Amino acid sequence: MSGRELVVSGRGEGSDTFVSEGAWQRRGPLTYLLGMNYRTKAEFFIQGITKGAIDAPEVIAWADEVIVSAAKTEDWMIDISTCGPEDRLVVLSHLNTVKGQADQAELAALLKARGIE
């Protein structure tokens, strides 16, 4: 890799991540410290629900996990978490309120891994 690399320390031995300085600046440090951004995952779920590959309970379970791990709870997290398993369209509308910018490379990888095209 050309240019400077930065090390993002992982939580265990061998879990350090090496990223280019350019990627660090493009994605921001929180992406590397906290994992995938919420907008990317929301876009994944939006496309999955729209194409019939993902159902509401999976998204609701994710929102529950996010609430527990997030430094700050946002309205959309609670809105999705309190939806019922049959509220597919309501979940979809709440996913569209997640702020941020989706990482297109990560999104493509998620979709591919689930066979969603």
PDB file of N, CA and C in Angstrom:
ATOM      1  N   MET A   1       0.854  -1.170   0.000  1.00  0.00           N
ATOM      2  CA  MET A   1       0.000   0.000   0.000  1.00  0.00           C
ATOM      3  C   MET A   1       0.898   1.231   0.000  1.00  0.00           C
ATOM      4  N   SER A   2       0.628   2.160  -0.861  1.00  0.00           N
ATOM      5  CA  SER A   2       1.451   3.358  -0.918  1.00  0.00           C
ATOM      6  C   SER A   2       0.928   4.399   0.057  1.00  0.00           C
ATOM      7  N   GLY A   3       1.823   5.313   0.452  1.00  0.00           N
ATOM      8  CA  GLY A   3       1.407   6.344   1.396  1.00  0.00           C
ATOM      9  C   GLY A   3       1.516   5.850   2.817  1.00  0.00           C
ATOM     10  N   ARG A   4       1.150   6.704   3.723  1.00  0.00           N
ATOM     11  CA  ARG A   4       1.210   6.371   5.139  1.00  0.00           C
ATOM     12  C   ARG A   4       0.074   5.456   5.542  1.00  0.00           C
ATOM     13  N   GLU A   5       0.367   4.575   6.487  1.00  0.00           N
ATOM     14  CA  GLU A   5      -0.672   3.712   7.042  1.00  0.00           C
ATOM     15  C   GLU A   5      -0.854   4.038   8.506  1.00  0.00           C
ATOM     16  N   LEU A   6      -2.069   3.910   8.959  1.00  0.00           N
ATOM     17  CA  LEU A   6      -2.390   4.133  10.360  1.00  0.00           C
ATOM     18  C   LEU A   6      -2.817   2.803  10.954  1.00  0.00           C
ATOM     19  N   VAL A   7      -2.589   2.623  12.226  1.00  0.00           N
ATOM     20  CA  VAL A   7      -2.992   1.396  12.902  1.00  0.00           C
ATOM     21  C   VAL A   7      -4.161   1.717  13.808  1.00  0.00           C
ATOM     22  N   VAL A   8      -5.217   0.948  13.654  1.00  0.00           N
ATOM     23  CA  VAL A   8      -6.360   1.062  14.545  1.00  0.00           C
ATOM     24  C   VAL A   8      -6.310  -0.159  15.437  1.00  0.00           C
ATOM     25  N   SER A   9      -6.087   0.065  16.702  1.00  0.00           N
ATOM     26  CA  SER A   9      -5.903  -1.039  17.629  1.00  0.00           C
ATOM     27  C   SER A   9      -7.200  -1.801  17.828  1.00  0.00           C
ATOM     28  N   GLY A  10      -7.089  -3.122  17.740  1.00  0.00           N
ATOM     29  CA  GLY A  10      -8.244  -3.980  17.954  1.00  0.00           C
ATOM     30  C   GLY A  10      -8.415  -4.295  19.421  1.00  0.00           C
ATOM     31  N   ARG A  11      -9.328  -5.197  19.710  1.00  0.00           N
ATOM     32  CA  ARG A  11      -9.615  -5.519  21.110  1.00  0.00           C
ATOM     33  C   ARG A  11      -8.840  -6.732  21.600  1.00  0.00           C
ATOM     34  N   GLY A  12      -8.218  -7.429  20.705  1.00  0.00           N
ATOM     35  CA  GLY A  12      -7.479  -8.606  21.124  1.00  0.00           C
ATOM     36  C   GLY A  12      -6.236  -8.782  20.297  1.00  0.00           C
ATOM     37  N   GLU A  13      -5.422  -9.717  20.690  1.00  0.00           N
ATOM     38  CA  GLU A  13      -4.176  -9.961  19.992  1.00  0.00           C
ATOM     39  C   GLU A  13      -4.449 -10.304  18.531  1.00  0.00           C
ATOM     40  N   GLY A  14      -3.716  -9.651  17.643  1.00  0.00           N
ATOM     41  CA  GLY A  14      -3.867  -9.923  16.219  1.00  0.00           C
ATOM     42  C   GLY A  14      -5.069  -9.262  15.574  1.00  0.00           C
ATOM     43  N   SER A  15      -5.754  -8.380  16.290  1.00  0.00           N
ATOM     44  CA  SER A  15      -6.957  -7.780  15.733  1.00  0.00           C
ATOM     45  C   SER A  15      -6.754  -6.333  15.297  1.00  0.00           C
ATOM     46  N   ASP A  16      -5.478  -5.893  15.249  1.00  0.00           N
ATOM     47  CA  ASP A  16      -5.221  -4.540  14.763  1.00  0.00           C
ATOM     48  C   ASP A  16      -5.573  -4.442  13.293  1.00  0.00           C
ATOM     49  N   THR A  17      -6.030  -3.272  12.881  1.00  0.00           N
ATOM     50  CA  THR A  17      -6.385  -3.011  11.493  1.00  0.00           C
ATOM     51  C   THR A  17      -5.450  -1.954  10.947  1.00  0.00           C
ATOM     52  N   PHE A  18      -4.916  -2.190   9.757  1.00  0.00           N
ATOM     53  CA  PHE A  18      -4.051  -1.221   9.109  1.00  0.00           C
ATOM     54  C   PHE A  18      -4.842  -0.570   7.990  1.00  0.00           C
ATOM     55  N   VAL A  19      -4.903   0.754   8.003  1.00  0.00           N
ATOM     56  CA  VAL A  19      -5.656   1.476   6.980  1.00  0.00           C
ATOM     57  C   VAL A  19      -4.796   2.602   6.438  1.00  0.00           C
ATOM     58  N   SER A  20      -5.040   2.935   5.188  1.00  0.00           N
ATOM     59  CA  SER A  20      -4.294   4.045   4.600  1.00  0.00           C
ATOM     60  C   SER A  20      -4.800   5.353   5.192  1.00  0.00           C
ATOM     61  N   GLU A  21      -3.921   6.328   5.195  1.00  0.00           N
ATOM     62  CA  GLU A  21      -4.315   7.640   5.710  1.00  0.00           C
ATOM     63  C   GLU A  21      -5.481   8.206   4.903  1.00  0.00           C
ATOM     64  N   GLY A  22      -5.473   7.969   3.582  1.00  0.00           N
ATOM     65  CA  GLY A  22      -6.563   8.459   2.732  1.00  0.00           C
ATOM     66  C   GLY A  22      -7.892   7.839   3.098  1.00  0.00           C
ATOM     67  N   ALA A  23      -7.891   6.515   3.336  1.00  0.00           N
ATOM     68  CA  ALA A  23      -9.131   5.837   3.726  1.00  0.00           C
ATOM     69  C   ALA A  23      -9.619   6.352   5.073  1.00  0.00           C
ATOM     70  N   TRP A  24      -8.685   6.585   5.987  1.00  0.00           N
ATOM     71  CA  TRP A  24      -9.037   7.112   7.304  1.00  0.00           C
ATOM     72  C   TRP A  24      -9.757   8.449   7.159  1.00  0.00           C
ATOM     73  N   GLN A  25      -9.228   9.304   6.284  1.00  0.00           N
ATOM     74  CA  GLN A  25      -9.824  10.619   6.082  1.00  0.00           C
ATOM     75  C   GLN A  25     -11.158  10.520   5.365  1.00  0.00           C
ATOM     76  N   ARG A  26     -11.286   9.620   4.394  1.00  0.00           N
ATOM     77  CA  ARG A  26     -12.550   9.475   3.647  1.00  0.00           C
ATOM     78  C   ARG A  26     -13.659   8.919   4.529  1.00  0.00           C
ATOM     79  N   ARG A  27     -13.355   7.883   5.264  1.00  0.00           N
ATOM     80  CA  ARG A  27     -14.381   7.200   6.054  1.00  0.00           C
ATOM     81  C   ARG A  27     -14.555   7.790   7.432  1.00  0.00           C
ATOM     82  N   GLY A  28     -13.521   8.355   7.964  1.00  0.00           N
ATOM     83  CA  GLY A  28     -13.592   8.907   9.308  1.00  0.00           C
ATOM     84  C   GLY A  28     -13.185   7.875  10.333  1.00  0.00           C
ATOM     85  N   PRO A  29     -12.627   8.317  11.420  1.00  0.00           N
ATOM     86  CA  PRO A  29     -12.112   7.388  12.422  1.00  0.00           C
ATOM     87  C   PRO A  29     -13.173   6.519  13.074  1.00  0.00           C
ATOM     88  N   LEU A  30     -14.382   7.002  13.207  1.00  0.00           N
ATOM     89  CA  LEU A  30     -15.406   6.196  13.881  1.00  0.00           C
ATOM     90  C   LEU A  30     -15.743   4.928  13.130  1.00  0.00           C
ATOM     91  N   THR A  31     -15.637   4.959  11.795  1.00  0.00           N
ATOM     92  CA  THR A  31     -15.904   3.748  11.029  1.00  0.00           C
ATOM     93  C   THR A  31     -14.943   2.649  11.440  1.00  0.00           C
ATOM     94  N   TYR A  32     -13.706   2.992  11.661  1.00  0.00           N
ATOM     95  CA  TYR A  32     -12.713   1.987  12.026  1.00  0.00           C
ATOM     96  C   TYR A  32     -12.755   1.633  13.499  1.00  0.00           C
ATOM     97  N   LEU A  33     -13.141   2.572  14.327  1.00  0.00           N
ATOM     98  CA  LEU A  33     -13.190   2.297  15.755  1.00  0.00           C
ATOM     99  C   LEU A  33     -14.462   1.560  16.156  1.00  0.00           C
ATOM    100  N   LEU A  34     -15.558   1.861  15.483  1.00  0.00           N
ATOM    101  CA  LEU A  34     -16.843   1.279  15.871  1.00  0.00           C
ATOM    102  C   LEU A  34     -17.400   0.287  14.862  1.00  0.00           C
ATOM    103  N   GLY A  35     -16.751   0.114  13.736  1.00  0.00           N
ATOM    104  CA  GLY A  35     -17.250  -0.793  12.720  1.00  0.00           C
ATOM    105  C   GLY A  35     -18.052  -0.045  11.678  1.00  0.00           C
ATOM    106  N   MET A  36     -18.816  -0.774  10.929  1.00  0.00           N
ATOM    107  CA  MET A  36     -19.586  -0.217   9.819  1.00  0.00           C
ATOM    108  C   MET A  36     -20.517   0.902  10.282  1.00  0.00           C
ATOM    109  N   ASN A  37     -20.661   1.914   9.442  1.00  0.00           N
ATOM    110  CA  ASN A  37     -21.556   2.998   9.825  1.00  0.00           C
ATOM    111  C   ASN A  37     -23.020   2.560   9.683  1.00  0.00           C
ATOM    112  N   TYR A  38     -23.868   3.196  10.441  1.00  0.00           N
ATOM    113  CA  TYR A  38     -25.286   2.813  10.469  1.00  0.00           C
ATOM    114  C   TYR A  38     -25.958   3.007   9.117  1.00  0.00           C
ATOM    115  N   ARG A  39     -25.564   4.025   8.382  1.00  0.00           N
ATOM    116  CA  ARG A  39     -26.195   4.291   7.085  1.00  0.00           C
ATOM    117  C   ARG A  39     -25.944   3.145   6.111  1.00  0.00           C
ATOM    118  N   THR A  40     -24.737   2.592   6.136  1.00  0.00           N
ATOM    119  CA  THR A  40     -24.429   1.470   5.253  1.00  0.00           C
ATOM    120  C   THR A  40     -25.319   0.285   5.575  1.00  0.00           C
ATOM    121  N   LYS A  41     -25.430  -0.030   6.838  1.00  0.00           N
ATOM    122  CA  LYS A  41     -26.265  -1.167   7.248  1.00  0.00           C
ATOM    123  C   LYS A  41     -27.738  -0.879   6.955  1.00  0.00           C
ATOM    124  N   ALA A  42     -28.180   0.355   7.155  1.00  0.00           N
ATOM    125  CA  ALA A  42     -29.568   0.713   6.852  1.00  0.00           C
ATOM    126  C   ALA A  42     -29.846   0.529   5.358  1.00  0.00           C
ATOM    127  N   GLU A  43     -28.919   0.958   4.522  1.00  0.00           N
ATOM    128  CA  GLU A  43     -29.094   0.808   3.071  1.00  0.00           C
ATOM    129  C   GLU A  43     -29.135  -0.666   2.681  1.00  0.00           C
ATOM    130  N   PHE A  44     -28.316  -1.474   3.330  1.00  0.00           N
ATOM    131  CA  PHE A  44     -28.339  -2.922   3.111  1.00  0.00           C
ATOM    132  C   PHE A  44     -29.728  -3.484   3.429  1.00  0.00           C
ATOM    133  N   PHE A  45     -30.269  -3.095   4.575  1.00  0.00           N
ATOM    134  CA  PHE A  45     -31.593  -3.571   4.960  1.00  0.00           C
ATOM    135  C   PHE A  45     -32.677  -3.029   4.032  1.00  0.00           C
ATOM    136  N   ILE A  46     -32.565  -1.787   3.605  1.00  0.00           N
ATOM    137  CA  ILE A  46     -33.545  -1.213   2.683  1.00  0.00           C
ATOM    138  C   ILE A  46     -33.590  -2.040   1.399  1.00  0.00           C
ATOM    139  N   GLN A  47     -32.433  -2.304   0.831  1.00  0.00           N
ATOM    140  CA  GLN A  47     -32.400  -3.083  -0.407  1.00  0.00           C
ATOM    141  C   GLN A  47     -32.865  -4.513  -0.173  1.00  0.00           C
ATOM    142  N   GLY A  48     -32.486  -5.082   0.962  1.00  0.00           N
ATOM    143  CA  GLY A  48     -32.911  -6.442   1.276  1.00  0.00           C
ATOM    144  C   GLY A  48     -34.411  -6.577   1.461  1.00  0.00           C
ATOM    145  N   ILE A  49     -35.002  -5.629   2.166  1.00  0.00           N
ATOM    146  CA  ILE A  49     -36.460  -5.647   2.358  1.00  0.00           C
ATOM    147  C   ILE A  49     -37.171  -5.429   1.030  1.00  0.00           C
ATOM    148  N   THR A  50     -36.709  -4.460   0.270  1.00  0.00           N
ATOM    149  CA  THR A  50     -37.329  -4.128  -1.017  1.00  0.00           C
ATOM    150  C   THR A  50     -37.304  -5.320  -1.967  1.00  0.00           C
ATOM    151  N   LYS A  51     -36.224  -6.103  -1.915  1.00  0.00           N
ATOM    152  CA  LYS A  51     -36.079  -7.251  -2.822  1.00  0.00           C
ATOM    153  C   LYS A  51     -36.576  -8.555  -2.210  1.00  0.00           C
ATOM    154  N   GLY A  52     -37.159  -8.480  -1.014  1.00  0.00           N
ATOM    155  CA  GLY A  52     -37.756  -9.652  -0.387  1.00  0.00           C
ATOM    156  C   GLY A  52     -36.766 -10.626   0.223  1.00  0.00           C
ATOM    157  N   ALA A  53     -35.519 -10.212   0.423  1.00  0.00           N
ATOM    158  CA  ALA A  53     -34.495 -11.103   0.957  1.00  0.00           C
ATOM    159  C   ALA A  53     -34.317 -10.966   2.471  1.00  0.00           C
ATOM    160  N   ILE A  54     -34.859  -9.900   3.031  1.00  0.00           N
ATOM    161  CA  ILE A  54     -34.720  -9.641   4.468  1.00  0.00           C
ATOM    162  C   ILE A  54     -36.099  -9.291   5.013  1.00  0.00           C
ATOM    163  N   ASP A  55     -36.377  -9.793   6.216  1.00  0.00           N
ATOM    164  CA  ASP A  55     -37.665  -9.483   6.821  1.00  0.00           C
ATOM    165  C   ASP A  55     -37.484  -8.552   8.022  1.00  0.00           C
ATOM    166  N   ALA A  56     -38.589  -7.996   8.471  1.00  0.00           N
ATOM    167  CA  ALA A  56     -38.570  -7.003   9.546  1.00  0.00           C
ATOM    168  C   ALA A  56     -37.927  -7.515  10.835  1.00  0.00           C
ATOM    169  N   PRO A  57     -38.203  -8.742  11.282  1.00  0.00           N
ATOM    170  CA  PRO A  57     -37.594  -9.189  12.545  1.00  0.00           C
ATOM    171  C   PRO A  57     -36.063  -9.128  12.553  1.00  0.00           C
ATOM    172  N   GLU A  58     -35.422  -9.357  11.416  1.00  0.00           N
ATOM    173  CA  GLU A  58     -33.963  -9.259  11.355  1.00  0.00           C
ATOM    174  C   GLU A  58     -33.501  -7.817  11.599  1.00  0.00           C
ATOM    175  N   VAL A  59     -34.210  -6.871  11.014  1.00  0.00           N
ATOM    176  CA  VAL A  59     -33.864  -5.460  11.180  1.00  0.00           C
ATOM    177  C   VAL A  59     -34.139  -5.020  12.615  1.00  0.00           C
ATOM    178  N   ILE A  60     -35.230  -5.482  13.175  1.00  0.00           N
ATOM    179  CA  ILE A  60     -35.591  -5.138  14.554  1.00  0.00           C
ATOM    180  C   ILE A  60     -34.526  -5.665  15.518  1.00  0.00           C
ATOM    181  N   ALA A  61     -34.060  -6.880  15.293  1.00  0.00           N
ATOM    182  CA  ALA A  61     -33.003  -7.452  16.142  1.00  0.00           C
ATOM    183  C   ALA A  61     -31.723  -6.631  16.039  1.00  0.00           C
ATOM    184  N   TRP A  62     -31.398  -6.176  14.826  1.00  0.00           N
ATOM    185  CA  TRP A  62     -30.223  -5.324  14.646  1.00  0.00           C
ATOM    186  C   TRP A  62     -30.384  -4.015  15.415  1.00  0.00           C
ATOM    187  N   ALA A  63     -31.547  -3.398  15.331  1.00  0.00           N
ATOM    188  CA  ALA A  63     -31.798  -2.147  16.049  1.00  0.00           C
ATOM    189  C   ALA A  63     -31.655  -2.353  17.556  1.00  0.00           C
ATOM    190  N   ASP A  64     -32.133  -3.480  18.051  1.00  0.00           N
ATOM    191  CA  ASP A  64     -31.982  -3.793  19.473  1.00  0.00           C
ATOM    192  C   ASP A  64     -30.499  -3.848  19.865  1.00  0.00           C
ATOM    193  N   GLU A  65     -29.691  -4.493  19.029  1.00  0.00           N
ATOM    194  CA  GLU A  65     -28.253  -4.586  19.294  1.00  0.00           C
ATOM    195  C   GLU A  65     -27.593  -3.212  19.257  1.00  0.00           C
ATOM    196  N   VAL A  66     -28.011  -2.392  18.301  1.00  0.00           N
ATOM    197  CA  VAL A  66     -27.438  -1.056  18.161  1.00  0.00           C
ATOM    198  C   VAL A  66     -27.756  -0.211  19.389  1.00  0.00           C
ATOM    199  N   ILE A  67     -28.965  -0.309  19.886  1.00  0.00           N
ATOM    200  CA  ILE A  67     -29.349   0.462  21.075  1.00  0.00           C
ATOM    201  C   ILE A  67     -28.446   0.118  22.256  1.00  0.00           C
ATOM    202  N   VAL A  68     -28.168  -1.152  22.415  1.00  0.00           N
ATOM    203  CA  VAL A  68     -27.341  -1.598  23.536  1.00  0.00           C
ATOM    204  C   VAL A  68     -25.896  -1.113  23.399  1.00  0.00           C
ATOM    205  N   SER A  69     -25.379  -1.094  22.166  1.00  0.00           N
ATOM    206  CA  SER A  69     -23.965  -0.776  21.973  1.00  0.00           C
ATOM    207  C   SER A  69     -23.674   0.680  21.618  1.00  0.00           C
ATOM    208  N   ALA A  70     -24.673   1.435  21.224  1.00  0.00           N
ATOM    209  CA  ALA A  70     -24.445   2.812  20.778  1.00  0.00           C
ATOM    210  C   ALA A  70     -24.114   3.732  21.945  1.00  0.00           C
ATOM    211  N   ALA A  71     -23.194   4.648  21.687  1.00  0.00           N
ATOM    212  CA  ALA A  71     -22.859   5.644  22.706  1.00  0.00           C
ATOM    213  C   ALA A  71     -24.039   6.581  22.944  1.00  0.00           C
ATOM    214  N   LYS A  72     -24.788   6.857  21.880  1.00  0.00           N
ATOM    215  CA  LYS A  72     -25.947   7.744  21.965  1.00  0.00           C
ATOM    216  C   LYS A  72     -27.091   7.098  21.191  1.00  0.00           C
ATOM    217  N   THR A  73     -28.218   6.929  21.835  1.00  0.00           N
ATOM    218  CA  THR A  73     -29.386   6.347  21.172  1.00  0.00           C
ATOM    219  C   THR A  73     -30.066   7.414  20.326  1.00  0.00           C
ATOM    220  N   GLU A  74     -30.385   7.045  19.098  1.00  0.00           N
ATOM    221  CA  GLU A  74     -31.071   7.961  18.184  1.00  0.00           C
ATOM    222  C   GLU A  74     -32.520   7.506  18.011  1.00  0.00           C
ATOM    223  N   ASP A  75     -33.369   8.435  17.583  1.00  0.00           N
ATOM    224  CA  ASP A  75     -34.804   8.141  17.445  1.00  0.00           C
ATOM    225  C   ASP A  75     -35.071   6.939  16.547  1.00  0.00           C
ATOM    226  N   TRP A  76     -34.379   6.865  15.408  1.00  0.00           N
ATOM    227  CA  TRP A  76     -34.642   5.773  14.478  1.00  0.00           C
ATOM    228  C   TRP A  76     -34.375   4.406  15.108  1.00  0.00           C
ATOM    229  N   MET A  77     -33.422   4.334  16.014  1.00  0.00           N
ATOM    230  CA  MET A  77     -33.106   3.067  16.678  1.00  0.00           C
ATOM    231  C   MET A  77     -34.307   2.582  17.484  1.00  0.00           C
ATOM    232  N   ILE A  78     -34.870   3.496  18.254  1.00  0.00           N
ATOM    233  CA  ILE A  78     -36.028   3.163  19.089  1.00  0.00           C
ATOM    234  C   ILE A  78     -37.248   2.893  18.216  1.00  0.00           C
ATOM    235  N   ASP A  79     -37.431   3.709  17.176  1.00  0.00           N
ATOM    236  CA  ASP A  79     -38.568   3.529  16.275  1.00  0.00           C
ATOM    237  C   ASP A  79     -38.561   2.138  15.649  1.00  0.00           C
ATOM    238  N   ILE A  80     -37.405   1.697  15.175  1.00  0.00           N
ATOM    239  CA  ILE A  80     -37.315   0.367  14.551  1.00  0.00           C
ATOM    240  C   ILE A  80     -37.469  -0.715  15.608  1.00  0.00           C
ATOM    241  N   SER A  81     -36.825  -0.532  16.747  1.00  0.00           N
ATOM    242  CA  SER A  81     -36.857  -1.529  17.808  1.00  0.00           C
ATOM    243  C   SER A  81     -38.271  -1.813  18.312  1.00  0.00           C
ATOM    244  N   THR A  82     -39.123  -0.807  18.272  1.00  0.00           N
ATOM    245  CA  THR A  82     -40.486  -0.976  18.796  1.00  0.00           C
ATOM    246  C   THR A  82     -41.495  -1.415  17.734  1.00  0.00           C
ATOM    247  N   CYS A  83     -41.036  -1.652  16.523  1.00  0.00           N
ATOM    248  CA  CYS A  83     -41.931  -2.151  15.467  1.00  0.00           C
ATOM    249  C   CYS A  83     -42.264  -3.620  15.710  1.00  0.00           C
ATOM    250  N   GLY A  84     -43.372  -4.048  15.144  1.00  0.00           N
ATOM    251  CA  GLY A  84     -43.748  -5.444  15.216  1.00  0.00           C
ATOM    252  C   GLY A  84     -43.186  -6.216  14.037  1.00  0.00           C
ATOM    253  N   PRO A  85     -43.168  -7.529  14.123  1.00  0.00           N
ATOM    254  CA  PRO A  85     -42.583  -8.355  13.063  1.00  0.00           C
ATOM    255  C   PRO A  85     -43.285  -8.232  11.710  1.00  0.00           C
ATOM    256  N   GLU A  86     -44.499  -7.763  11.702  1.00  0.00           N
ATOM    257  CA  GLU A  86     -45.243  -7.603  10.449  1.00  0.00           C
ATOM    258  C   GLU A  86     -45.169  -6.182   9.880  1.00  0.00           C
ATOM    259  N   ASP A  87     -44.438  -5.297  10.547  1.00  0.00           N
ATOM    260  CA  ASP A  87     -44.380  -3.886  10.154  1.00  0.00           C
ATOM    261  C   ASP A  87     -43.280  -3.601   9.122  1.00  0.00           C
ATOM    262  N   ARG A  88     -43.236  -4.377   8.077  1.00  0.00           N
ATOM    263  CA  ARG A  88     -42.181  -4.262   7.066  1.00  0.00           C
ATOM    264  C   ARG A  88     -42.078  -2.852   6.492  1.00  0.00           C
ATOM    265  N   LEU A  89     -43.184  -2.265   6.105  1.00  0.00           N
ATOM    266  CA  LEU A  89     -43.152  -0.933   5.501  1.00  0.00           C
ATOM    267  C   LEU A  89     -42.800   0.160   6.508  1.00  0.00           C
ATOM    268  N   VAL A  90     -43.215  -0.014   7.738  1.00  0.00           N
ATOM    269  CA  VAL A  90     -42.873   0.958   8.780  1.00  0.00           C
ATOM    270  C   VAL A  90     -41.373   0.894   9.065  1.00  0.00           C
ATOM    271  N   VAL A  91     -40.840  -0.317   9.162  1.00  0.00           N
ATOM    272  CA  VAL A  91     -39.398  -0.488   9.360  1.00  0.00           C
ATOM    273  C   VAL A  91     -38.641   0.162   8.208  1.00  0.00           C
ATOM    274  N   LEU A  92     -39.113  -0.072   7.002  1.00  0.00           N
ATOM    275  CA  LEU A  92     -38.479   0.511   5.813  1.00  0.00           C
ATOM    276  C   LEU A  92     -38.468   2.039   5.893  1.00  0.00           C
ATOM    277  N   SER A  93     -39.566   2.623   6.322  1.00  0.00           N
ATOM    278  CA  SER A  93     -39.614   4.086   6.416  1.00  0.00           C
ATOM    279  C   SER A  93     -38.648   4.612   7.475  1.00  0.00           C
ATOM    280  N   HIS A  94     -38.504   3.909   8.588  1.00  0.00           N
ATOM    281  CA  HIS A  94     -37.567   4.337   9.632  1.00  0.00           C
ATOM    282  C   HIS A  94     -36.119   4.180   9.171  1.00  0.00           C
ATOM    283  N   LEU A  95     -35.832   3.146   8.398  1.00  0.00           N
ATOM    284  CA  LEU A  95     -34.477   2.964   7.872  1.00  0.00           C
ATOM    285  C   LEU A  95     -34.073   4.141   6.990  1.00  0.00           C
ATOM    286  N   ASN A  96     -35.034   4.706   6.305  1.00  0.00           N
ATOM    287  CA  ASN A  96     -34.743   5.848   5.435  1.00  0.00           C
ATOM    288  C   ASN A  96     -34.408   7.123   6.211  1.00  0.00           C
ATOM    289  N   THR A  97     -34.605   7.124   7.519  1.00  0.00           N
ATOM    290  CA  THR A  97     -34.281   8.299   8.325  1.00  0.00           C
ATOM    291  C   THR A  97     -32.877   8.239   8.931  1.00  0.00           C
ATOM    292  N   VAL A  98     -32.188   7.114   8.753  1.00  0.00           N
ATOM    293  CA  VAL A  98     -30.833   6.976   9.302  1.00  0.00           C
ATOM    294  C   VAL A  98     -29.908   7.931   8.558  1.00  0.00           C
ATOM    295  N   LYS A  99     -29.243   8.772   9.297  1.00  0.00           N
ATOM    296  CA  LYS A  99     -28.375   9.784   8.689  1.00  0.00           C
ATOM    297  C   LYS A  99     -27.005   9.212   8.348  1.00  0.00           C
ATOM    298  N   GLY A 100     -26.330   9.912   7.464  1.00  0.00           N
ATOM    299  CA  GLY A 100     -24.984   9.519   7.090  1.00  0.00           C
ATOM    300  C   GLY A 100     -24.900   9.173   5.622  1.00  0.00           C
ATOM    301  N   GLN A 101     -23.748   8.661   5.255  1.00  0.00           N
ATOM    302  CA  GLN A 101     -23.502   8.277   3.864  1.00  0.00           C
ATOM    303  C   GLN A 101     -23.072   6.825   3.850  1.00  0.00           C
ATOM    304  N   ALA A 102     -23.709   6.043   3.012  1.00  0.00           N
ATOM    305  CA  ALA A 102     -23.374   4.628   2.908  1.00  0.00           C
ATOM    306  C   ALA A 102     -22.023   4.443   2.236  1.00  0.00           C
ATOM    307  N   ASP A 103     -21.254   3.519   2.756  1.00  0.00           N
ATOM    308  CA  ASP A 103     -19.989   3.135   2.140  1.00  0.00           C
ATOM    309  C   ASP A 103     -20.337   2.124   1.047  1.00  0.00           C
ATOM    310  N   GLN A 104     -20.198   2.535  -0.199  1.00  0.00           N
ATOM    311  CA  GLN A 104     -20.646   1.715  -1.326  1.00  0.00           C
ATOM    312  C   GLN A 104     -19.895   0.389  -1.435  1.00  0.00           C
ATOM    313  N   ALA A 105     -18.613   0.370  -1.095  1.00  0.00           N
ATOM    314  CA  ALA A 105     -17.844  -0.881  -1.160  1.00  0.00           C
ATOM    315  C   ALA A 105     -18.330  -1.865  -0.103  1.00  0.00           C
ATOM    316  N   GLU A 106     -18.547  -1.395   1.109  1.00  0.00           N
ATOM    317  CA  GLU A 106     -19.052  -2.261   2.166  1.00  0.00           C
ATOM    318  C   GLU A 106     -20.471  -2.725   1.859  1.00  0.00           C
ATOM    319  N   LEU A 107     -21.276  -1.830   1.320  1.00  0.00           N
ATOM    320  CA  LEU A 107     -22.651  -2.183   0.955  1.00  0.00           C
ATOM    321  C   LEU A 107     -22.658  -3.277  -0.100  1.00  0.00           C
ATOM    322  N   ALA A 108     -21.850  -3.117  -1.128  1.00  0.00           N
ATOM    323  CA  ALA A 108     -21.778  -4.127  -2.192  1.00  0.00           C
ATOM    324  C   ALA A 108     -21.344  -5.474  -1.633  1.00  0.00           C
ATOM    325  N   ALA A 109     -20.393  -5.467  -0.706  1.00  0.00           N
ATOM    326  CA  ALA A 109     -19.926  -6.718  -0.098  1.00  0.00           C
ATOM    327  C   ALA A 109     -21.027  -7.378   0.728  1.00  0.00           C
ATOM    328  N   LEU A 110     -21.770  -6.588   1.482  1.00  0.00           N
ATOM    329  CA  LEU A 110     -22.881  -7.135   2.273  1.00  0.00           C
ATOM    330  C   LEU A 110     -23.948  -7.749   1.370  1.00  0.00           C
ATOM    331  N   LEU A 111     -24.309  -7.024   0.353  1.00  0.00           N
ATOM    332  CA  LEU A 111     -25.346  -7.511  -0.581  1.00  0.00           C
ATOM    333  C   LEU A 111     -24.887  -8.798  -1.265  1.00  0.00           C
ATOM    334  N   LYS A 112     -23.651  -8.812  -1.709  1.00  0.00           N
ATOM    335  CA  LYS A 112     -23.114 -10.000  -2.382  1.00  0.00           C
ATOM    336  C   LYS A 112     -23.099 -11.201  -1.450  1.00  0.00           C
ATOM    337  N   ALA A 113     -22.686 -10.973  -0.207  1.00  0.00           N
ATOM    338  CA  ALA A 113     -22.615 -12.060   0.775  1.00  0.00           C
ATOM    339  C   ALA A 113     -23.987 -12.683   1.017  1.00  0.00           C
ATOM    340  N   ARG A 114     -25.029 -11.905   0.903  1.00  0.00           N
ATOM    341  CA  ARG A 114     -26.398 -12.410   1.093  1.00  0.00           C
ATOM    342  C   ARG A 114     -27.063 -12.818  -0.194  1.00  0.00           C
ATOM    343  N   GLY A 115     -26.360 -12.667  -1.331  1.00  0.00           N
ATOM    344  CA  GLY A 115     -26.934 -13.045  -2.620  1.00  0.00           C
ATOM    345  C   GLY A 115     -28.003 -12.078  -3.092  1.00  0.00           C
ATOM    346  N   ILE A 116     -27.918 -10.826  -2.658  1.00  0.00           N
ATOM    347  CA  ILE A 116     -28.892  -9.818  -3.045  1.00  0.00           C
ATOM    348  C   ILE A 116     -28.287  -8.993  -4.178  1.00  0.00           C
ATOM    349  N   GLU A 117     -28.976  -8.961  -5.302  1.00  0.00           N
ATOM    350  CA  GLU A 117     -28.469  -8.182  -6.426  1.00  0.00           C
ATOM    351  C   GLU A 117     -29.433  -7.101  -6.811  1.00  0.00           C
TER     352      GLU A 117
END
